[in-house]
Amino acid sequence: MKRQSPDTDVKMEAAWIALLRRATPAQKFAQVRSLSATTLSLSRRAIVRRHGDLTDVQLRGLFVYYQYGPELADRFQRYESQRSHAES
């Protein structure tokens, strides 16, 4: 088998791959879900650290912009604006 990670010991990599192969689909899904949740959380924390002076809506808008791009961020901003006017 070809090495996947040049900075990882070959025996450790083989052990990790063996664990992944033995994992059930539910265990694999749980790992993916956990990694996704961690990534989203770290992204949100970084945005708050960098732009802590913004409102919650503005922070969420930046998150959408960074994760999904300007087009969806514009749609999100319009949605939030309409929602806030409807609540008033």
Protein backbone atom coordinates (compact mmCIF):
# COMPACT_ATOMS: atom_id res chain seq x y z
CA MET A 1 0.00 0.00 0.00
CA LYS A 2 1.20 3.49 -0.85
CA ARG A 3 1.88 5.79 2.12
CA GLN A 4 -0.81 8.41 2.62
CA SER A 5 1.07 10.73 4.96
CA PRO A 6 4.83 11.20 4.59
CA ASP A 7 5.21 12.70 8.07
CA THR A 8 3.55 9.76 9.88
CA ASP A 9 5.34 6.59 10.95
CA VAL A 10 4.48 3.71 8.62
CA LYS A 11 3.40 1.42 11.49
CA MET A 12 1.16 4.09 12.98
CA GLU A 13 -0.44 4.77 9.62
CA ALA A 14 -1.08 1.05 9.07
CA ALA A 15 -2.65 0.76 12.54
CA TRP A 16 -4.90 3.77 11.88
CA ILE A 17 -6.03 2.38 8.51
CA ALA A 18 -6.75 -0.99 10.13
CA LEU A 19 -8.93 0.75 12.74
CA LEU A 20 -10.79 2.62 10.02
CA ARG A 21 -11.42 -0.59 8.10
CA ARG A 22 -12.86 -2.30 11.20
CA ALA A 23 -15.14 0.61 12.07
CA THR A 24 -18.84 0.21 11.42
CA PRO A 25 -20.62 2.64 9.10
CA ALA A 26 -22.23 4.24 12.17
CA GLN A 27 -18.81 4.76 13.78
CA LYS A 28 -17.42 6.27 10.57
CA PHE A 29 -20.42 8.57 10.27
CA ALA A 30 -20.00 9.66 13.91
CA GLN A 31 -16.35 10.53 13.24
CA VAL A 32 -17.25 12.55 10.15
CA ARG A 33 -20.06 14.34 12.01
CA SER A 34 -17.72 15.15 14.88
CA LEU A 35 -15.04 16.49 12.55
CA SER A 36 -17.62 18.64 10.74
CA ALA A 37 -18.97 20.04 14.02
CA THR A 38 -15.45 20.83 15.22
CA THR A 39 -14.58 22.55 11.95
CA LEU A 40 -17.73 24.70 12.05
CA SER A 41 -17.13 25.60 15.69
CA LEU A 42 -13.53 26.62 15.06
CA SER A 43 -14.57 28.67 12.06
CA ARG A 44 -17.21 30.53 14.07
CA ARG A 45 -14.75 31.14 16.93
CA ALA A 46 -12.17 32.57 14.51
CA ILE A 47 -14.76 34.94 13.04
CA VAL A 48 -15.83 36.13 16.50
CA ARG A 49 -12.19 36.65 17.54
CA ARG A 50 -11.47 38.68 14.42
CA HIS A 51 -14.77 40.60 14.34
CA GLY A 52 -15.95 40.64 17.94
CA ASP A 53 -17.45 44.11 17.58
CA LEU A 54 -20.13 42.93 15.11
CA THR A 55 -23.68 41.92 15.96
CA ASP A 56 -24.75 38.29 16.01
CA VAL A 57 -26.53 38.69 12.66
CA GLN A 58 -23.43 40.27 11.10
CA LEU A 59 -21.25 37.46 12.46
CA ARG A 60 -23.59 34.85 11.02
CA GLY A 61 -23.50 36.72 7.71
CA LEU A 62 -19.71 36.60 7.67
CA PHE A 63 -19.81 32.89 8.43
CA VAL A 64 -22.12 32.32 5.46
CA TYR A 65 -19.87 34.47 3.28
CA TYR A 66 -16.70 32.57 4.20
CA GLN A 67 -18.29 29.11 3.98
CA TYR A 68 -20.64 29.48 1.02
CA GLY A 69 -19.60 32.59 -0.91
CA PRO A 70 -20.90 36.08 -1.63
CA GLU A 71 -24.07 35.11 -3.52
CA LEU A 72 -25.51 33.07 -0.67
CA ALA A 73 -24.29 35.65 1.85
CA ASP A 74 -26.26 38.34 0.01
CA ARG A 75 -29.36 36.15 0.04
CA PHE A 76 -28.84 35.49 3.74
CA GLN A 77 -28.57 39.23 4.46
CA ARG A 78 -31.80 39.91 2.54
CA TYR A 79 -33.53 37.11 4.44
CA GLU A 80 -32.36 38.46 7.80
CA SER A 81 -33.44 41.98 6.84
CA GLN A 82 -36.92 40.78 5.84
CA ARG A 83 -37.19 38.70 8.98
CA SER A 84 -36.24 41.60 11.25
CA HIS A 85 -38.78 43.88 9.55
CA ALA A 86 -41.51 41.23 9.92
CA GLU A 87 -40.79 40.93 13.66
CA SER A 88 -41.03 44.72 14.16
